[in-house]
Amino acid sequence: MNGLTGFQRDILYVIAGLADTPALEIKEELQGANEMEITQDRLYPCLHRLIEKGFIEEGTPDESTDMYTLTEQGKREIATQRKWENKYLTEELLTDRPPAEL
């Protein structure tokens, strides 16, 4: 995911979890997670950048809806990123338990 912003990575993760995702649903998920408004002016350029990089594809089932899905390359990039993250994240960090005392 070299060269992607954190926001672009977040978009990939949302699309991975909600296959065939409309842009509005991506926007709502990101707003809920970040507790901030996501504008179309911010979302769509990021979606187009991810398409250019080959990580997602855009489909149009009807004239008013754009749907986004991960490509095989996008799936590989997420898997590579998760493998790297898992090197540094311990179970303690991934649970609600307080860290053990030293």
PDB file of N, CA and C in Angstrom:
ATOM      1  N   MET A   1       0.820  -1.179   0.000  1.00  0.00           N
ATOM      2  CA  MET A   1       0.000   0.000   0.000  1.00  0.00           C
ATOM      3  C   MET A   1       0.861   1.239   0.000  1.00  0.00           C
ATOM      4  N   ASN A   2       2.032   1.039  -0.515  1.00  0.00           N
ATOM      5  CA  ASN A   2       2.976   2.132  -0.624  1.00  0.00           C
ATOM      6  C   ASN A   2       2.357   3.282  -1.406  1.00  0.00           C
ATOM      7  N   GLY A   3       2.413   4.459  -0.836  1.00  0.00           N
ATOM      8  CA  GLY A   3       1.904   5.633  -1.520  1.00  0.00           C
ATOM      9  C   GLY A   3       0.453   5.952  -1.236  1.00  0.00           C
ATOM     10  N   LEU A   4      -0.240   5.122  -0.466  1.00  0.00           N
ATOM     11  CA  LEU A   4      -1.630   5.425  -0.124  1.00  0.00           C
ATOM     12  C   LEU A   4      -1.684   6.212   1.175  1.00  0.00           C
ATOM     13  N   THR A   5      -2.685   7.055   1.273  1.00  0.00           N
ATOM     14  CA  THR A   5      -2.918   7.752   2.533  1.00  0.00           C
ATOM     15  C   THR A   5      -3.678   6.828   3.478  1.00  0.00           C
ATOM     16  N   GLY A   6      -3.732   7.186   4.734  1.00  0.00           N
ATOM     17  CA  GLY A   6      -4.512   6.422   5.689  1.00  0.00           C
ATOM     18  C   GLY A   6      -5.986   6.395   5.299  1.00  0.00           C
ATOM     19  N   PHE A   7      -6.490   7.504   4.783  1.00  0.00           N
ATOM     20  CA  PHE A   7      -7.883   7.582   4.352  1.00  0.00           C
ATOM     21  C   PHE A   7      -8.144   6.611   3.199  1.00  0.00           C
ATOM     22  N   GLN A   8      -7.209   6.536   2.252  1.00  0.00           N
ATOM     23  CA  GLN A   8      -7.366   5.604   1.138  1.00  0.00           C
ATOM     24  C   GLN A   8      -7.337   4.159   1.637  1.00  0.00           C
ATOM     25  N   ARG A   9      -6.476   3.875   2.604  1.00  0.00           N
ATOM     26  CA  ARG A   9      -6.444   2.527   3.202  1.00  0.00           C
ATOM     27  C   ARG A   9      -7.768   2.218   3.880  1.00  0.00           C
ATOM     28  N   ASP A  10      -8.311   3.195   4.603  1.00  0.00           N
ATOM     29  CA  ASP A  10      -9.605   3.000   5.260  1.00  0.00           C
ATOM     30  C   ASP A  10     -10.688   2.678   4.229  1.00  0.00           C
ATOM     31  N   ILE A  11     -10.660   3.354   3.106  1.00  0.00           N
ATOM     32  CA  ILE A  11     -11.631   3.083   2.042  1.00  0.00           C
ATOM     33  C   ILE A  11     -11.498   1.639   1.570  1.00  0.00           C
ATOM     34  N   LEU A  12     -10.271   1.193   1.374  1.00  0.00           N
ATOM     35  CA  LEU A  12     -10.063  -0.197   0.938  1.00  0.00           C
ATOM     36  C   LEU A  12     -10.640  -1.178   1.956  1.00  0.00           C
ATOM     37  N   TYR A  13     -10.399  -0.932   3.232  1.00  0.00           N
ATOM     38  CA  TYR A  13     -10.901  -1.830   4.270  1.00  0.00           C
ATOM     39  C   TYR A  13     -12.430  -1.857   4.275  1.00  0.00           C
ATOM     40  N   VAL A  14     -13.068  -0.703   4.103  1.00  0.00           N
ATOM     41  CA  VAL A  14     -14.536  -0.657   4.067  1.00  0.00           C
ATOM     42  C   VAL A  14     -15.046  -1.451   2.872  1.00  0.00           C
ATOM     43  N   ILE A  15     -14.445  -1.250   1.719  1.00  0.00           N
ATOM     44  CA  ILE A  15     -14.881  -1.981   0.522  1.00  0.00           C
ATOM     45  C   ILE A  15     -14.649  -3.474   0.701  1.00  0.00           C
ATOM     46  N   ALA A  16     -13.563  -3.854   1.339  1.00  0.00           N
ATOM     47  CA  ALA A  16     -13.291  -5.269   1.578  1.00  0.00           C
ATOM     48  C   ALA A  16     -14.373  -5.900   2.452  1.00  0.00           C
ATOM     49  N   GLY A  17     -14.848  -5.148   3.428  1.00  0.00           N
ATOM     50  CA  GLY A  17     -15.843  -5.685   4.344  1.00  0.00           C
ATOM     51  C   GLY A  17     -17.265  -5.610   3.847  1.00  0.00           C
ATOM     52  N   LEU A  18     -17.515  -4.796   2.839  1.00  0.00           N
ATOM     53  CA  LEU A  18     -18.886  -4.585   2.351  1.00  0.00           C
ATOM     54  C   LEU A  18     -18.947  -4.769   0.845  1.00  0.00           C
ATOM     55  N   ALA A  19     -18.508  -5.882   0.331  1.00  0.00           N
ATOM     56  CA  ALA A  19     -18.396  -6.125  -1.112  1.00  0.00           C
ATOM     57  C   ALA A  19     -19.520  -5.479  -1.918  1.00  0.00           C
ATOM     58  N   ASP A  20     -19.191  -5.043  -3.125  1.00  0.00           N
ATOM     59  CA  ASP A  20     -20.116  -4.337  -4.011  1.00  0.00           C
ATOM     60  C   ASP A  20     -20.752  -3.165  -3.280  1.00  0.00           C
ATOM     61  N   THR A  21     -19.909  -2.244  -2.891  1.00  0.00           N
ATOM     62  CA  THR A  21     -20.309  -1.153  -2.017  1.00  0.00           C
ATOM     63  C   THR A  21     -20.598   0.127  -2.784  1.00  0.00           C
ATOM     64  N   PRO A  22     -21.772   0.720  -2.581  1.00  0.00           N
ATOM     65  CA  PRO A  22     -22.024   2.030  -3.189  1.00  0.00           C
ATOM     66  C   PRO A  22     -21.230   3.118  -2.464  1.00  0.00           C
ATOM     67  N   ALA A  23     -20.909   4.165  -3.178  1.00  0.00           N
ATOM     68  CA  ALA A  23     -20.116   5.265  -2.611  1.00  0.00           C
ATOM     69  C   ALA A  23     -20.772   5.842  -1.360  1.00  0.00           C
ATOM     70  N   LEU A  24     -22.090   5.965  -1.359  1.00  0.00           N
ATOM     71  CA  LEU A  24     -22.784   6.529  -0.204  1.00  0.00           C
ATOM     72  C   LEU A  24     -22.572   5.670   1.043  1.00  0.00           C
ATOM     73  N   GLU A  25     -22.576   4.359   0.877  1.00  0.00           N
ATOM     74  CA  GLU A  25     -22.352   3.470   2.019  1.00  0.00           C
ATOM     75  C   GLU A  25     -20.910   3.568   2.515  1.00  0.00           C
ATOM     76  N   ILE A  26     -19.961   3.694   1.604  1.00  0.00           N
ATOM     77  CA  ILE A  26     -18.565   3.881   1.990  1.00  0.00           C
ATOM     78  C   ILE A  26     -18.444   5.157   2.816  1.00  0.00           C
ATOM     79  N   LYS A  27     -19.051   6.209   2.320  1.00  0.00           N
ATOM     80  CA  LYS A  27     -19.028   7.505   3.006  1.00  0.00           C
ATOM     81  C   LYS A  27     -19.617   7.391   4.403  1.00  0.00           C
ATOM     82  N   GLU A  28     -20.763   6.738   4.542  1.00  0.00           N
ATOM     83  CA  GLU A  28     -21.420   6.595   5.841  1.00  0.00           C
ATOM     84  C   GLU A  28     -20.566   5.777   6.820  1.00  0.00           C
ATOM     85  N   GLU A  29     -19.966   4.714   6.338  1.00  0.00           N
ATOM     86  CA  GLU A  29     -19.098   3.892   7.190  1.00  0.00           C
ATOM     87  C   GLU A  29     -17.905   4.694   7.696  1.00  0.00           C
ATOM     88  N   LEU A  30     -17.285   5.444   6.804  1.00  0.00           N
ATOM     89  CA  LEU A  30     -16.117   6.246   7.188  1.00  0.00           C
ATOM     90  C   LEU A  30     -16.507   7.351   8.160  1.00  0.00           C
ATOM     91  N   GLN A  31     -17.649   7.972   7.926  1.00  0.00           N
ATOM     92  CA  GLN A  31     -18.113   9.019   8.845  1.00  0.00           C
ATOM     93  C   GLN A  31     -18.377   8.444  10.230  1.00  0.00           C
ATOM     94  N   GLY A  32     -18.964   7.266  10.296  1.00  0.00           N
ATOM     95  CA  GLY A  32     -19.231   6.632  11.575  1.00  0.00           C
ATOM     96  C   GLY A  32     -17.959   6.279  12.309  1.00  0.00           C
ATOM     97  N   ALA A  33     -16.988   5.791  11.590  1.00  0.00           N
ATOM     98  CA  ALA A  33     -15.729   5.379  12.211  1.00  0.00           C
ATOM     99  C   ALA A  33     -14.891   6.573  12.642  1.00  0.00           C
ATOM    100  N   ASN A  34     -14.930   7.640  11.878  1.00  0.00           N
ATOM    101  CA  ASN A  34     -14.074   8.797  12.139  1.00  0.00           C
ATOM    102  C   ASN A  34     -14.779   9.932  12.865  1.00  0.00           C
ATOM    103  N   GLU A  35     -16.079   9.785  13.039  1.00  0.00           N
ATOM    104  CA  GLU A  35     -16.882  10.815  13.693  1.00  0.00           C
ATOM    105  C   GLU A  35     -16.636  12.200  13.100  1.00  0.00           C
ATOM    106  N   MET A  36     -16.574  12.239  11.776  1.00  0.00           N
ATOM    107  CA  MET A  36     -16.412  13.502  11.071  1.00  0.00           C
ATOM    108  C   MET A  36     -17.106  13.394   9.727  1.00  0.00           C
ATOM    109  N   GLU A  37     -17.478  14.524   9.188  1.00  0.00           N
ATOM    110  CA  GLU A  37     -18.149  14.518   7.892  1.00  0.00           C
ATOM    111  C   GLU A  37     -17.142  14.259   6.778  1.00  0.00           C
ATOM    112  N   ILE A  38     -17.495  13.369   5.885  1.00  0.00           N
ATOM    113  CA  ILE A  38     -16.680  13.075   4.713  1.00  0.00           C
ATOM    114  C   ILE A  38     -17.408  13.675   3.510  1.00  0.00           C
ATOM    115  N   THR A  39     -16.775  14.585   2.824  1.00  0.00           N
ATOM    116  CA  THR A  39     -17.405  15.214   1.667  1.00  0.00           C
ATOM    117  C   THR A  39     -17.150  14.395   0.407  1.00  0.00           C
ATOM    118  N   GLN A  40     -18.020  14.579  -0.574  1.00  0.00           N
ATOM    119  CA  GLN A  40     -17.818  13.914  -1.860  1.00  0.00           C
ATOM    120  C   GLN A  40     -16.536  14.404  -2.520  1.00  0.00           C
ATOM    121  N   ASP A  41     -16.183  15.665  -2.262  1.00  0.00           N
ATOM    122  CA  ASP A  41     -14.946  16.221  -2.821  1.00  0.00           C
ATOM    123  C   ASP A  41     -13.711  15.530  -2.272  1.00  0.00           C
ATOM    124  N   ARG A  42     -13.834  14.927  -1.131  1.00  0.00           N
ATOM    125  CA  ARG A  42     -12.713  14.172  -0.557  1.00  0.00           C
ATOM    126  C   ARG A  42     -12.785  12.700  -0.957  1.00  0.00           C
ATOM    127  N   LEU A  43     -13.987  12.139  -0.966  1.00  0.00           N
ATOM    128  CA  LEU A  43     -14.159  10.710  -1.211  1.00  0.00           C
ATOM    129  C   LEU A  43     -13.861  10.314  -2.655  1.00  0.00           C
ATOM    130  N   TYR A  44     -14.489  10.996  -3.611  1.00  0.00           N
ATOM    131  CA  TYR A  44     -14.389  10.551  -4.999  1.00  0.00           C
ATOM    132  C   TYR A  44     -12.966  10.609  -5.577  1.00  0.00           C
ATOM    133  N   PRO A  45     -12.169  11.635  -5.305  1.00  0.00           N
ATOM    134  CA  PRO A  45     -10.789  11.585  -5.815  1.00  0.00           C
ATOM    135  C   PRO A  45     -10.008  10.386  -5.244  1.00  0.00           C
ATOM    136  N   CYS A  46     -10.287  10.036  -4.003  1.00  0.00           N
ATOM    137  CA  CYS A  46      -9.607   8.878  -3.409  1.00  0.00           C
ATOM    138  C   CYS A  46     -10.061   7.583  -4.067  1.00  0.00           C
ATOM    139  N   LEU A  47     -11.359   7.475  -4.326  1.00  0.00           N
ATOM    140  CA  LEU A  47     -11.862   6.293  -5.025  1.00  0.00           C
ATOM    141  C   LEU A  47     -11.223   6.174  -6.404  1.00  0.00           C
ATOM    142  N   HIS A  48     -11.137   7.293  -7.116  1.00  0.00           N
ATOM    143  CA  HIS A  48     -10.544   7.266  -8.455  1.00  0.00           C
ATOM    144  C   HIS A  48      -9.057   6.931  -8.410  1.00  0.00           C
ATOM    145  N   ARG A  49      -8.374   7.388  -7.392  1.00  0.00           N
ATOM    146  CA  ARG A  49      -6.948   7.046  -7.240  1.00  0.00           C
ATOM    147  C   ARG A  49      -6.783   5.543  -7.007  1.00  0.00           C
ATOM    148  N   LEU A  50      -7.680   4.962  -6.203  1.00  0.00           N
ATOM    149  CA  LEU A  50      -7.620   3.524  -5.944  1.00  0.00           C
ATOM    150  C   LEU A  50      -7.940   2.719  -7.200  1.00  0.00           C
ATOM    151  N   ILE A  51      -8.817   3.250  -8.043  1.00  0.00           N
ATOM    152  CA  ILE A  51      -9.097   2.610  -9.333  1.00  0.00           C
ATOM    153  C   ILE A  51      -7.857   2.676 -10.216  1.00  0.00           C
ATOM    154  N   GLU A  52      -7.233   3.852 -10.282  1.00  0.00           N
ATOM    155  CA  GLU A  52      -6.019   4.032 -11.097  1.00  0.00           C
ATOM    156  C   GLU A  52      -4.911   3.083 -10.674  1.00  0.00           C
ATOM    157  N   LYS A  53      -4.791   2.855  -9.363  1.00  0.00           N
ATOM    158  CA  LYS A  53      -3.746   1.962  -8.859  1.00  0.00           C
ATOM    159  C   LYS A  53      -4.112   0.487  -9.038  1.00  0.00           C
ATOM    160  N   GLY A  54      -5.351   0.220  -9.456  1.00  0.00           N
ATOM    161  CA  GLY A  54      -5.773  -1.159  -9.706  1.00  0.00           C
ATOM    162  C   GLY A  54      -6.251  -1.902  -8.467  1.00  0.00           C
ATOM    163  N   PHE A  55      -6.546  -1.182  -7.379  1.00  0.00           N
ATOM    164  CA  PHE A  55      -6.965  -1.826  -6.138  1.00  0.00           C
ATOM    165  C   PHE A  55      -8.463  -2.068  -6.071  1.00  0.00           C
ATOM    166  N   ILE A  56      -9.252  -1.235  -6.760  1.00  0.00           N
ATOM    167  CA  ILE A  56     -10.701  -1.410  -6.781  1.00  0.00           C
ATOM    168  C   ILE A  56     -11.203  -1.241  -8.204  1.00  0.00           C
ATOM    169  N   GLU A  57     -12.440  -1.733  -8.423  1.00  0.00           N
ATOM    170  CA  GLU A  57     -13.112  -1.550  -9.695  1.00  0.00           C
ATOM    171  C   GLU A  57     -14.431  -0.848  -9.435  1.00  0.00           C
ATOM    172  N   GLU A  58     -14.854  -0.087 -10.418  1.00  0.00           N
ATOM    173  CA  GLU A  58     -16.132   0.618 -10.329  1.00  0.00           C
ATOM    174  C   GLU A  58     -17.114  -0.033 -11.284  1.00  0.00           C
ATOM    175  N   GLY A  59     -18.288  -0.331 -10.774  1.00  0.00           N
ATOM    176  CA  GLY A  59     -19.364  -0.850 -11.606  1.00  0.00           C
ATOM    177  C   GLY A  59     -20.561   0.065 -11.474  1.00  0.00           C
ATOM    178  N   THR A  60     -21.440   0.021 -12.444  1.00  0.00           N
ATOM    179  CA  THR A  60     -22.622   0.877 -12.410  1.00  0.00           C
ATOM    180  C   THR A  60     -23.836   0.024 -12.732  1.00  0.00           C
ATOM    181  N   PRO A  61     -24.492  -0.547 -11.691  1.00  0.00           N
ATOM    182  CA  PRO A  61     -25.664  -1.388 -11.948  1.00  0.00           C
ATOM    183  C   PRO A  61     -26.861  -0.598 -12.490  1.00  0.00           C
ATOM    184  N   ASP A  62     -26.922   0.680 -12.190  1.00  0.00           N
ATOM    185  CA  ASP A  62     -27.954   1.546 -12.754  1.00  0.00           C
ATOM    186  C   ASP A  62     -27.356   2.934 -12.953  1.00  0.00           C
ATOM    187  N   GLU A  63     -28.113   3.823 -13.515  1.00  0.00           N
ATOM    188  CA  GLU A  63     -27.577   5.147 -13.874  1.00  0.00           C
ATOM    189  C   GLU A  63     -27.214   6.015 -12.680  1.00  0.00           C
ATOM    190  N   SER A  64     -27.757   5.716 -11.511  1.00  0.00           N
ATOM    191  CA  SER A  64     -27.537   6.614 -10.378  1.00  0.00           C
ATOM    192  C   SER A  64     -26.618   6.046  -9.300  1.00  0.00           C
ATOM    193  N   THR A  65     -26.146   4.826  -9.476  1.00  0.00           N
ATOM    194  CA  THR A  65     -25.357   4.186  -8.421  1.00  0.00           C
ATOM    195  C   THR A  65     -24.021   3.700  -8.955  1.00  0.00           C
ATOM    196  N   ASP A  66     -22.950   4.075  -8.277  1.00  0.00           N
ATOM    197  CA  ASP A  66     -21.626   3.524  -8.562  1.00  0.00           C
ATOM    198  C   ASP A  66     -21.318   2.519  -7.462  1.00  0.00           C
ATOM    199  N   MET A  67     -20.915   1.314  -7.835  1.00  0.00           N
ATOM    200  CA  MET A  67     -20.566   0.274  -6.876  1.00  0.00           C
ATOM    201  C   MET A  67     -19.068   0.005  -6.977  1.00  0.00           C
ATOM    202  N   TYR A  68     -18.452  -0.252  -5.840  1.00  0.00           N
ATOM    203  CA  TYR A  68     -17.008  -0.476  -5.806  1.00  0.00           C
ATOM    204  C   TYR A  68     -16.710  -1.835  -5.203  1.00  0.00           C
ATOM    205  N   THR A  69     -15.781  -2.547  -5.830  1.00  0.00           N
ATOM    206  CA  THR A  69     -15.342  -3.847  -5.328  1.00  0.00           C
ATOM    207  C   THR A  69     -13.825  -3.912  -5.382  1.00  0.00           C
ATOM    208  N   LEU A  70     -13.263  -4.755  -4.529  1.00  0.00           N
ATOM    209  CA  LEU A  70     -11.815  -4.967  -4.544  1.00  0.00           C
ATOM    210  C   LEU A  70     -11.421  -5.810  -5.746  1.00  0.00           C
ATOM    211  N   THR A  71     -10.276  -5.515  -6.303  1.00  0.00           N
ATOM    212  CA  THR A  71      -9.686  -6.373  -7.326  1.00  0.00           C
ATOM    213  C   THR A  71      -8.810  -7.402  -6.617  1.00  0.00           C
ATOM    214  N   GLU A  72      -8.319  -8.358  -7.371  1.00  0.00           N
ATOM    215  CA  GLU A  72      -7.382  -9.333  -6.787  1.00  0.00           C
ATOM    216  C   GLU A  72      -6.138  -8.615  -6.263  1.00  0.00           C
ATOM    217  N   GLN A  73      -5.686  -7.610  -6.996  1.00  0.00           N
ATOM    218  CA  GLN A  73      -4.538  -6.829  -6.539  1.00  0.00           C
ATOM    219  C   GLN A  73      -4.850  -6.127  -5.224  1.00  0.00           C
ATOM    220  N   GLY A  74      -6.052  -5.576  -5.105  1.00  0.00           N
ATOM    221  CA  GLY A  74      -6.467  -4.928  -3.867  1.00  0.00           C
ATOM    222  C   GLY A  74      -6.477  -5.902  -2.699  1.00  0.00           C
ATOM    223  N   LYS A  75      -6.975  -7.108  -2.936  1.00  0.00           N
ATOM    224  CA  LYS A  75      -6.988  -8.139  -1.894  1.00  0.00           C
ATOM    225  C   LYS A  75      -5.573  -8.489  -1.462  1.00  0.00           C
ATOM    226  N   ARG A  76      -4.662  -8.615  -2.422  1.00  0.00           N
ATOM    227  CA  ARG A  76      -3.256  -8.920  -2.087  1.00  0.00           C
ATOM    228  C   ARG A  76      -2.627  -7.798  -1.275  1.00  0.00           C
ATOM    229  N   GLU A  77      -2.924  -6.545  -1.645  1.00  0.00           N
ATOM    230  CA  GLU A  77      -2.363  -5.406  -0.926  1.00  0.00           C
ATOM    231  C   GLU A  77      -2.843  -5.381   0.524  1.00  0.00           C
ATOM    232  N   ILE A  78      -4.128  -5.653   0.728  1.00  0.00           N
ATOM    233  CA  ILE A  78      -4.657  -5.690   2.092  1.00  0.00           C
ATOM    234  C   ILE A  78      -4.005  -6.820   2.880  1.00  0.00           C
ATOM    235  N   ALA A  79      -3.873  -7.981   2.268  1.00  0.00           N
ATOM    236  CA  ALA A  79      -3.254  -9.122   2.953  1.00  0.00           C
ATOM    237  C   ALA A  79      -1.808  -8.806   3.333  1.00  0.00           C
ATOM    238  N   THR A  80      -1.078  -8.161   2.439  1.00  0.00           N
ATOM    239  CA  THR A  80       0.308  -7.776   2.724  1.00  0.00           C
ATOM    240  C   THR A  80       0.363  -6.760   3.857  1.00  0.00           C
ATOM    241  N   GLN A  81      -0.528  -5.785   3.834  1.00  0.00           N
ATOM    242  CA  GLN A  81      -0.576  -4.770   4.889  1.00  0.00           C
ATOM    243  C   GLN A  81      -0.898  -5.407   6.233  1.00  0.00           C
ATOM    244  N   ARG A  82      -1.886  -6.304   6.259  1.00  0.00           N
ATOM    245  CA  ARG A  82      -2.279  -6.958   7.510  1.00  0.00           C
ATOM    246  C   ARG A  82      -1.137  -7.808   8.061  1.00  0.00           C
ATOM    247  N   LYS A  83      -0.426  -8.473   7.198  1.00  0.00           N
ATOM    248  CA  LYS A  83       0.724  -9.285   7.635  1.00  0.00           C
ATOM    249  C   LYS A  83       1.761  -8.385   8.305  1.00  0.00           C
ATOM    250  N   TRP A  84       2.027  -7.246   7.694  1.00  0.00           N
ATOM    251  CA  TRP A  84       2.986  -6.303   8.263  1.00  0.00           C
ATOM    252  C   TRP A  84       2.488  -5.771   9.600  1.00  0.00           C
ATOM    253  N   GLU A  85       1.203  -5.374   9.674  1.00  0.00           N
ATOM    254  CA  GLU A  85       0.627  -4.856  10.918  1.00  0.00           C
ATOM    255  C   GLU A  85       0.702  -5.888  12.032  1.00  0.00           C
ATOM    256  N   ASN A  86       0.430  -7.134  11.704  1.00  0.00           N
ATOM    257  CA  ASN A  86       0.415  -8.189  12.718  1.00  0.00           C
ATOM    258  C   ASN A  86       1.789  -8.418  13.353  1.00  0.00           C
ATOM    259  N   LYS A  87       2.852  -8.009  12.679  1.00  0.00           N
ATOM    260  CA  LYS A  87       4.189  -8.111  13.273  1.00  0.00           C
ATOM    261  C   LYS A  87       4.309  -7.211  14.497  1.00  0.00           C
ATOM    262  N   TYR A  88       3.535  -6.147  14.524  1.00  0.00           N
ATOM    263  CA  TYR A  88       3.690  -5.132  15.559  1.00  0.00           C
ATOM    264  C   TYR A  88       2.532  -5.060  16.549  1.00  0.00           C
ATOM    265  N   LEU A  89       1.411  -5.631  16.202  1.00  0.00           N
ATOM    266  CA  LEU A  89       0.243  -5.556  17.074  1.00  0.00           C
ATOM    267  C   LEU A  89       0.141  -6.817  17.922  1.00  0.00           C
ATOM    268  N   THR A  90       0.095  -6.636  19.224  1.00  0.00           N
ATOM    269  CA  THR A  90      -0.037  -7.769  20.130  1.00  0.00           C
ATOM    270  C   THR A  90      -1.508  -7.990  20.453  1.00  0.00           C
ATOM    271  N   GLU A  91      -1.830  -9.146  21.009  1.00  0.00           N
ATOM    272  CA  GLU A  91      -3.206  -9.424  21.426  1.00  0.00           C
ATOM    273  C   GLU A  91      -3.695  -8.380  22.421  1.00  0.00           C
ATOM    274  N   GLU A  92      -2.826  -7.951  23.325  1.00  0.00           N
ATOM    275  CA  GLU A  92      -3.214  -6.947  24.316  1.00  0.00           C
ATOM    276  C   GLU A  92      -3.694  -5.661  23.649  1.00  0.00           C
ATOM    277  N   LEU A  93      -3.040  -5.273  22.584  1.00  0.00           N
ATOM    278  CA  LEU A  93      -3.439  -4.054  21.880  1.00  0.00           C
ATOM    279  C   LEU A  93      -4.769  -4.225  21.153  1.00  0.00           C
ATOM    280  N   LEU A  94      -5.085  -5.450  20.799  1.00  0.00           N
ATOM    281  CA  LEU A  94      -6.282  -5.705  20.009  1.00  0.00           C
ATOM    282  C   LEU A  94      -7.505  -6.040  20.851  1.00  0.00           C
ATOM    283  N   THR A  95      -7.361  -6.058  22.163  1.00  0.00           N
ATOM    284  CA  THR A  95      -8.495  -6.331  23.046  1.00  0.00           C
ATOM    285  C   THR A  95      -8.746  -5.111  23.924  1.00  0.00           C
ATOM    286  N   ASP A  96      -9.808  -5.171  24.658  1.00  0.00           N
ATOM    287  CA  ASP A  96     -10.152  -4.057  25.549  1.00  0.00           C
ATOM    288  C   ASP A  96      -9.460  -4.158  26.902  1.00  0.00           C
ATOM    289  N   ARG A  97      -8.687  -5.197  27.101  1.00  0.00           N
ATOM    290  CA  ARG A  97      -8.009  -5.360  28.389  1.00  0.00           C
ATOM    291  C   ARG A  97      -6.882  -4.344  28.529  1.00  0.00           C
ATOM    292  N   PRO A  98      -6.677  -3.849  29.747  1.00  0.00           N
ATOM    293  CA  PRO A  98      -5.537  -2.954  29.966  1.00  0.00           C
ATOM    294  C   PRO A  98      -4.239  -3.735  29.825  1.00  0.00           C
ATOM    295  N   PRO A  99      -3.146  -3.094  29.414  1.00  0.00           N
ATOM    296  CA  PRO A  99      -1.876  -3.794  29.276  1.00  0.00           C
ATOM    297  C   PRO A  99      -1.400  -4.309  30.640  1.00  0.00           C
ATOM    298  N   ALA A 100      -0.674  -5.423  30.588  1.00  0.00           N
ATOM    299  CA  ALA A 100      -0.139  -6.003  31.814  1.00  0.00           C
ATOM    300  C   ALA A 100       0.855  -5.045  32.459  1.00  0.00           C
ATOM    301  N   GLU A 101       0.874  -5.070  33.778  1.00  0.00           N
ATOM    302  CA  GLU A 101       1.823  -4.218  34.492  1.00  0.00           C
ATOM    303  C   GLU A 101       3.227  -4.746  34.290  1.00  0.00           C
ATOM    304  N   LEU A 102       4.169  -3.839  34.251  1.00  0.00           N
ATOM    305  CA  LEU A 102       5.581  -4.217  34.099  1.00  0.00           C
ATOM    306  C   LEU A 102       6.186  -4.616  35.393  1.00  0.00           C
TER     307      LEU A 102
END
